[in-house]
Amino acid sequence: MKLTIYTDGGSRGNPGPAAYGFVVYENEKIIFKKGEYLGIQTNNYAEYMAVIAAFEWVKKHKGEDVSLNLFCDSLLVASQLTGKYKVKNESIKQLVKKAKALESFFSDVTYTHVLRAHNKEADRMVNKALDEKL
């Protein structure tokens, strides 16, 4: 099975009130979407939590024999998860470690950076979670 995931995270202030959002597609149809408020966090933390939450959802609901194409509008996250950029921040290192541990359950995972204009539904989930909380 092949799934496509779009993730986004954001904070209003950095750090500030933060949330993540993700959208899961199967055969170009949305099968699940979620946004969740995270409290006061950084933008990078929120971006990583979106990836982790998406992986956890797929593992729980679709199993492990899944190929994932993950798209995010954070160049930093896409580049760190592919190993192109080093991770220097200790708290982010822990999130990368968790994401990579979850990644290992799936048959294949690709990471692609996309412009914000191509990530509208995940962005909408972030803003919805923030608006509902604030």
N, C-alpha and C. Protein backbone atom coordinates (compact mmCIF):
# COMPACT_ATOMS: atom_id res chain seq x y z
N MET A 1 0.84 -1.17 0.00
CA MET A 1 0.00 0.00 0.00
C MET A 1 0.89 1.24 0.00
N LYS A 2 0.47 2.25 -0.75
CA LYS A 2 1.21 3.51 -0.82
C LYS A 2 0.31 4.63 -0.35
N LEU A 3 0.83 5.44 0.59
CA LEU A 3 0.11 6.58 1.11
C LEU A 3 0.92 7.85 0.89
N THR A 4 0.22 8.95 0.75
CA THR A 4 0.85 10.26 0.65
C THR A 4 0.42 11.06 1.87
N ILE A 5 1.39 11.71 2.51
CA ILE A 5 1.13 12.48 3.72
C ILE A 5 1.66 13.89 3.52
N TYR A 6 0.86 14.86 3.89
CA TYR A 6 1.28 16.25 3.95
C TYR A 6 1.29 16.66 5.42
N THR A 7 2.39 17.28 5.86
CA THR A 7 2.49 17.70 7.26
C THR A 7 2.83 19.18 7.33
N ASP A 8 2.43 19.78 8.45
CA ASP A 8 2.78 21.17 8.70
C ASP A 8 2.77 21.42 10.20
N GLY A 9 3.56 22.34 10.63
CA GLY A 9 3.57 22.78 12.01
C GLY A 9 3.76 24.27 12.02
N GLY A 10 3.27 24.90 13.05
CA GLY A 10 3.43 26.34 13.12
C GLY A 10 3.30 26.84 14.54
N SER A 11 3.88 28.01 14.76
CA SER A 11 3.73 28.68 16.04
C SER A 11 3.49 30.15 15.78
N ARG A 12 2.67 30.73 16.59
CA ARG A 12 2.40 32.16 16.50
C ARG A 12 3.31 32.85 17.51
N GLY A 13 4.47 33.21 17.01
CA GLY A 13 5.60 33.60 17.84
C GLY A 13 6.54 32.41 17.82
N ASN A 14 7.79 32.61 18.09
CA ASN A 14 8.71 31.47 18.01
C ASN A 14 9.72 31.54 19.15
N PRO A 15 9.43 30.96 20.32
CA PRO A 15 8.28 30.09 20.58
C PRO A 15 7.00 30.89 20.82
N GLY A 16 5.92 30.17 20.72
CA GLY A 16 4.60 30.73 20.96
C GLY A 16 3.57 29.62 20.91
N PRO A 17 2.29 29.97 20.93
CA PRO A 17 1.26 28.95 20.79
C PRO A 17 1.50 28.18 19.49
N ALA A 18 1.55 26.86 19.59
CA ALA A 18 1.94 26.04 18.44
C ALA A 18 0.95 24.90 18.21
N ALA A 19 0.94 24.43 16.98
CA ALA A 19 0.09 23.29 16.61
C ALA A 19 0.70 22.58 15.41
N TYR A 20 0.24 21.36 15.19
CA TYR A 20 0.64 20.63 13.99
C TYR A 20 -0.62 20.21 13.24
N GLY A 21 -0.41 19.86 11.99
CA GLY A 21 -1.48 19.29 11.18
C GLY A 21 -0.91 18.30 10.20
N PHE A 22 -1.69 17.29 9.88
CA PHE A 22 -1.29 16.36 8.82
C PHE A 22 -2.52 15.84 8.10
N VAL A 23 -2.30 15.46 6.85
CA VAL A 23 -3.36 14.94 6.01
C VAL A 23 -2.81 13.69 5.32
N VAL A 24 -3.58 12.60 5.37
CA VAL A 24 -3.18 11.34 4.76
C VAL A 24 -4.07 11.07 3.55
N TYR A 25 -3.43 10.77 2.43
CA TYR A 25 -4.13 10.46 1.19
C TYR A 25 -3.85 9.03 0.77
N GLU A 26 -4.87 8.38 0.26
CA GLU A 26 -4.71 7.09 -0.38
C GLU A 26 -5.41 7.18 -1.73
N ASN A 27 -4.67 6.91 -2.79
CA ASN A 27 -5.20 7.05 -4.15
C ASN A 27 -5.82 8.44 -4.37
N GLU A 28 -5.10 9.46 -3.93
CA GLU A 28 -5.48 10.87 -4.12
C GLU A 28 -6.75 11.28 -3.37
N LYS A 29 -7.21 10.44 -2.45
CA LYS A 29 -8.38 10.75 -1.65
C LYS A 29 -7.96 10.89 -0.19
N ILE A 30 -8.45 11.93 0.49
CA ILE A 30 -8.14 12.12 1.90
C ILE A 30 -8.81 11.00 2.71
N ILE A 31 -8.00 10.28 3.48
CA ILE A 31 -8.56 9.24 4.35
C ILE A 31 -8.51 9.63 5.82
N PHE A 32 -7.68 10.64 6.15
CA PHE A 32 -7.62 11.11 7.53
C PHE A 32 -6.91 12.45 7.56
N LYS A 33 -7.35 13.31 8.48
CA LYS A 33 -6.64 14.57 8.71
C LYS A 33 -6.81 14.96 10.16
N LYS A 34 -5.79 15.64 10.67
CA LYS A 34 -5.81 15.99 12.09
C LYS A 34 -4.97 17.24 12.33
N GLY A 35 -5.42 18.03 13.27
CA GLY A 35 -4.65 19.15 13.78
C GLY A 35 -4.70 19.10 15.29
N GLU A 36 -3.61 19.44 15.94
CA GLU A 36 -3.58 19.38 17.41
C GLU A 36 -2.74 20.51 17.97
N TYR A 37 -3.28 21.14 19.00
CA TYR A 37 -2.59 22.21 19.71
C TYR A 37 -1.50 21.61 20.59
N LEU A 38 -0.34 22.27 20.64
CA LEU A 38 0.81 21.74 21.38
C LEU A 38 1.22 22.58 22.57
N GLY A 39 0.58 23.71 22.79
CA GLY A 39 1.02 24.61 23.86
C GLY A 39 2.09 25.55 23.32
N ILE A 40 2.90 26.07 24.20
CA ILE A 40 3.97 27.00 23.80
C ILE A 40 5.17 26.18 23.34
N GLN A 41 5.47 26.29 22.06
CA GLN A 41 6.57 25.53 21.46
C GLN A 41 7.16 26.33 20.30
N THR A 42 8.24 25.83 19.75
CA THR A 42 8.85 26.46 18.58
C THR A 42 8.21 25.91 17.31
N ASN A 43 8.41 26.62 16.24
CA ASN A 43 7.93 26.19 14.94
C ASN A 43 8.55 24.84 14.55
N ASN A 44 9.86 24.69 14.76
CA ASN A 44 10.51 23.44 14.39
C ASN A 44 9.96 22.26 15.18
N TYR A 45 9.70 22.46 16.45
CA TYR A 45 9.10 21.41 17.26
C TYR A 45 7.76 21.00 16.66
N ALA A 46 6.94 21.97 16.31
CA ALA A 46 5.62 21.68 15.73
C ALA A 46 5.74 20.94 14.41
N GLU A 47 6.70 21.33 13.59
CA GLU A 47 6.91 20.65 12.30
C GLU A 47 7.24 19.18 12.52
N TYR A 48 8.12 18.90 13.47
CA TYR A 48 8.49 17.51 13.74
C TYR A 48 7.35 16.72 14.36
N MET A 49 6.58 17.36 15.23
CA MET A 49 5.46 16.66 15.84
C MET A 49 4.42 16.26 14.79
N ALA A 50 4.29 17.04 13.73
CA ALA A 50 3.38 16.68 12.64
C ALA A 50 3.83 15.38 11.98
N VAL A 51 5.12 15.26 11.73
CA VAL A 51 5.66 14.04 11.11
C VAL A 51 5.46 12.85 12.05
N ILE A 52 5.80 13.02 13.31
CA ILE A 52 5.68 11.93 14.28
C ILE A 52 4.22 11.49 14.43
N ALA A 53 3.31 12.45 14.56
CA ALA A 53 1.89 12.12 14.71
C ALA A 53 1.36 11.40 13.47
N ALA A 54 1.77 11.83 12.30
CA ALA A 54 1.33 11.17 11.07
C ALA A 54 1.85 9.73 11.02
N PHE A 55 3.11 9.54 11.34
CA PHE A 55 3.68 8.19 11.35
C PHE A 55 2.96 7.30 12.36
N GLU A 56 2.69 7.84 13.54
CA GLU A 56 1.98 7.05 14.56
C GLU A 56 0.59 6.66 14.08
N TRP A 57 -0.10 7.58 13.41
CA TRP A 57 -1.44 7.26 12.91
C TRP A 57 -1.37 6.16 11.86
N VAL A 58 -0.44 6.28 10.92
CA VAL A 58 -0.33 5.27 9.86
C VAL A 58 0.01 3.91 10.47
N LYS A 59 0.96 3.89 11.38
CA LYS A 59 1.35 2.61 12.01
C LYS A 59 0.15 1.96 12.69
N LYS A 60 -0.63 2.75 13.42
CA LYS A 60 -1.77 2.21 14.16
C LYS A 60 -2.92 1.78 13.25
N HIS A 61 -3.19 2.55 12.20
CA HIS A 61 -4.39 2.31 11.40
C HIS A 61 -4.16 1.60 10.07
N LYS A 62 -2.93 1.59 9.59
CA LYS A 62 -2.65 0.97 8.29
C LYS A 62 -1.59 -0.11 8.35
N GLY A 63 -0.94 -0.25 9.49
CA GLY A 63 0.07 -1.30 9.64
C GLY A 63 1.43 -0.85 9.16
N GLU A 64 2.29 -1.82 9.01
CA GLU A 64 3.69 -1.52 8.72
C GLU A 64 4.10 -1.78 7.28
N ASP A 65 3.31 -2.53 6.53
CA ASP A 65 3.67 -2.82 5.15
C ASP A 65 3.13 -1.70 4.24
N VAL A 66 3.68 -0.50 4.50
CA VAL A 66 3.19 0.69 3.83
C VAL A 66 4.38 1.48 3.30
N SER A 67 4.22 2.01 2.12
CA SER A 67 5.18 2.93 1.54
C SER A 67 4.62 4.34 1.67
N LEU A 68 5.44 5.26 2.17
CA LEU A 68 4.97 6.61 2.43
C LEU A 68 5.73 7.65 1.62
N ASN A 69 4.99 8.57 1.03
CA ASN A 69 5.56 9.77 0.43
C ASN A 69 5.14 10.92 1.32
N LEU A 70 6.09 11.51 2.03
CA LEU A 70 5.77 12.58 2.96
C LEU A 70 6.23 13.92 2.37
N PHE A 71 5.32 14.87 2.37
CA PHE A 71 5.59 16.21 1.87
C PHE A 71 5.44 17.20 3.02
N CYS A 72 6.41 18.08 3.18
CA CYS A 72 6.31 19.12 4.21
C CYS A 72 6.86 20.43 3.66
N ASP A 73 6.36 21.53 4.20
CA ASP A 73 6.84 22.82 3.71
C ASP A 73 8.02 23.35 4.52
N SER A 74 8.56 22.52 5.40
CA SER A 74 9.77 22.87 6.15
C SER A 74 10.98 22.25 5.46
N LEU A 75 11.77 23.10 4.81
CA LEU A 75 12.99 22.61 4.16
C LEU A 75 13.93 22.00 5.20
N LEU A 76 13.97 22.60 6.39
CA LEU A 76 14.82 22.09 7.46
C LEU A 76 14.45 20.66 7.82
N VAL A 77 13.17 20.39 8.06
CA VAL A 77 12.73 19.06 8.44
C VAL A 77 13.00 18.05 7.33
N ALA A 78 12.64 18.39 6.11
CA ALA A 78 12.87 17.47 4.99
C ALA A 78 14.36 17.18 4.84
N SER A 79 15.18 18.19 4.98
CA SER A 79 16.63 18.01 4.81
C SER A 79 17.27 17.27 5.98
N GLN A 80 16.78 17.50 7.20
CA GLN A 80 17.33 16.77 8.34
C GLN A 80 16.91 15.30 8.32
N LEU A 81 15.68 15.03 7.93
CA LEU A 81 15.22 13.63 7.92
C LEU A 81 15.84 12.82 6.79
N THR A 82 16.31 13.47 5.74
CA THR A 82 17.00 12.75 4.67
C THR A 82 18.51 12.69 4.92
N GLY A 83 18.98 13.37 5.96
CA GLY A 83 20.40 13.37 6.28
C GLY A 83 21.20 14.43 5.54
N LYS A 84 20.53 15.27 4.79
CA LYS A 84 21.23 16.33 4.04
C LYS A 84 21.76 17.40 4.98
N TYR A 85 20.98 17.73 6.03
CA TYR A 85 21.39 18.72 7.04
C TYR A 85 21.63 17.99 8.36
N LYS A 86 22.63 18.45 9.10
CA LYS A 86 22.88 17.92 10.43
C LYS A 86 21.91 18.54 11.42
N VAL A 87 21.67 17.82 12.51
CA VAL A 87 20.80 18.30 13.57
C VAL A 87 21.70 18.72 14.73
N LYS A 88 21.63 19.99 15.09
CA LYS A 88 22.49 20.51 16.15
C LYS A 88 21.75 20.68 17.47
N ASN A 89 20.49 21.02 17.43
CA ASN A 89 19.71 21.28 18.64
C ASN A 89 19.36 19.96 19.34
N GLU A 90 19.65 19.90 20.65
CA GLU A 90 19.45 18.65 21.39
C GLU A 90 18.00 18.20 21.44
N SER A 91 17.07 19.12 21.66
CA SER A 91 15.66 18.71 21.73
C SER A 91 15.16 18.25 20.36
N ILE A 92 15.63 18.87 19.30
CA ILE A 92 15.25 18.44 17.95
C ILE A 92 15.88 17.08 17.64
N LYS A 93 17.08 16.83 18.14
CA LYS A 93 17.72 15.52 17.95
C LYS A 93 16.82 14.40 18.47
N GLN A 94 16.17 14.64 19.61
CA GLN A 94 15.28 13.63 20.18
C GLN A 94 14.06 13.39 19.29
N LEU A 95 13.55 14.47 18.69
CA LEU A 95 12.40 14.33 17.78
C LEU A 95 12.81 13.60 16.50
N VAL A 96 13.99 13.90 15.99
CA VAL A 96 14.49 13.20 14.80
C VAL A 96 14.65 11.72 15.12
N LYS A 97 15.20 11.41 16.27
CA LYS A 97 15.37 10.02 16.69
C LYS A 97 14.03 9.29 16.73
N LYS A 98 13.01 9.94 17.28
CA LYS A 98 11.68 9.34 17.36
C LYS A 98 11.08 9.15 15.97
N ALA A 99 11.22 10.16 15.11
CA ALA A 99 10.70 10.06 13.74
C ALA A 99 11.40 8.93 12.98
N LYS A 100 12.71 8.83 13.12
CA LYS A 100 13.46 7.78 12.42
C LYS A 100 13.10 6.39 12.95
N ALA A 101 12.85 6.28 14.25
CA ALA A 101 12.43 4.99 14.81
C ALA A 101 11.09 4.58 14.22
N LEU A 102 10.16 5.51 14.11
CA LEU A 102 8.86 5.20 13.50
C LEU A 102 9.02 4.89 12.02
N GLU A 103 9.86 5.65 11.34
CA GLU A 103 10.11 5.43 9.91
C GLU A 103 10.54 4.00 9.63
N SER A 104 11.30 3.43 10.54
CA SER A 104 11.85 2.08 10.32
C SER A 104 10.76 1.01 10.24
N PHE A 105 9.56 1.30 10.71
CA PHE A 105 8.47 0.33 10.65
C PHE A 105 7.90 0.18 9.24
N PHE A 106 8.10 1.18 8.39
CA PHE A 106 7.47 1.19 7.07
C PHE A 106 8.41 0.64 6.00
N SER A 107 7.80 0.15 4.91
CA SER A 107 8.61 -0.46 3.86
C SER A 107 9.46 0.57 3.12
N ASP A 108 8.97 1.80 3.02
CA ASP A 108 9.72 2.85 2.33
C ASP A 108 9.14 4.20 2.72
N VAL A 109 10.02 5.18 2.93
CA VAL A 109 9.58 6.54 3.22
C VAL A 109 10.42 7.51 2.42
N THR A 110 9.76 8.41 1.71
CA THR A 110 10.47 9.49 1.04
C THR A 110 10.01 10.81 1.63
N TYR A 111 10.92 11.77 1.66
CA TYR A 111 10.63 13.10 2.18
C TYR A 111 10.84 14.11 1.07
N THR A 112 9.86 14.99 0.90
CA THR A 112 9.96 16.02 -0.13
C THR A 112 9.53 17.36 0.45
N HIS A 113 10.34 18.37 0.18
CA HIS A 113 9.98 19.73 0.57
C HIS A 113 9.05 20.30 -0.51
N VAL A 114 7.96 20.91 -0.08
CA VAL A 114 7.03 21.57 -1.00
C VAL A 114 6.81 23.00 -0.52
N LEU A 115 6.46 23.85 -1.44
CA LEU A 115 6.14 25.22 -1.07
C LEU A 115 4.82 25.24 -0.31
N ARG A 116 4.66 26.23 0.53
CA ARG A 116 3.46 26.35 1.35
C ARG A 116 2.18 26.32 0.51
N ALA A 117 2.24 26.87 -0.68
CA ALA A 117 1.06 26.90 -1.56
C ALA A 117 0.58 25.49 -1.93
N HIS A 118 1.47 24.50 -1.83
CA HIS A 118 1.11 23.12 -2.16
C HIS A 118 0.82 22.29 -0.90
N ASN A 119 0.68 22.97 0.22
CA ASN A 119 0.47 22.28 1.49
C ASN A 119 -0.71 22.90 2.25
N LYS A 120 -1.71 23.34 1.51
CA LYS A 120 -2.79 24.14 2.08
C LYS A 120 -3.65 23.39 3.09
N GLU A 121 -3.95 22.13 2.86
CA GLU A 121 -4.85 21.42 3.78
C GLU A 121 -4.17 21.16 5.13
N ALA A 122 -2.89 20.78 5.12
CA ALA A 122 -2.17 20.58 6.39
C ALA A 122 -2.03 21.91 7.12
N ASP A 123 -1.76 22.98 6.39
CA ASP A 123 -1.67 24.31 6.98
C ASP A 123 -3.02 24.72 7.59
N ARG A 124 -4.09 24.39 6.91
CA ARG A 124 -5.43 24.69 7.42
C ARG A 124 -5.68 23.96 8.75
N MET A 125 -5.20 22.72 8.86
CA MET A 125 -5.38 21.96 10.10
C MET A 125 -4.61 22.61 11.26
N VAL A 126 -3.42 23.13 10.97
CA VAL A 126 -2.63 23.83 12.00
C VAL A 126 -3.40 25.05 12.49
N ASN A 127 -3.85 25.87 11.55
CA ASN A 127 -4.54 27.11 11.93
C ASN A 127 -5.88 26.85 12.61
N LYS A 128 -6.55 25.81 12.21
CA LYS A 128 -7.82 25.44 12.86
C LYS A 128 -7.56 25.06 14.33
N ALA A 129 -6.52 24.26 14.57
CA ALA A 129 -6.19 23.86 15.94
C ALA A 129 -5.80 25.08 16.79
N LEU A 130 -5.04 25.99 16.20
CA LEU A 130 -4.65 27.20 16.93
C LEU A 130 -5.86 28.09 17.20
N ASP A 131 -6.68 28.30 16.18
CA ASP A 131 -7.85 29.17 16.35
C ASP A 131 -8.83 28.63 17.39
N GLU A 132 -9.01 27.30 17.41
CA GLU A 132 -9.92 26.71 18.38
C GLU A 132 -9.41 26.85 19.80
N LYS A 133 -8.10 26.78 19.98
CA LYS A 133 -7.53 26.87 21.31
C LYS A 133 -7.41 28.31 21.79
N LEU A 134 -7.08 29.21 20.87
CA LEU A 134 -6.87 30.60 21.25
C LEU A 134 -8.16 31.37 21.08
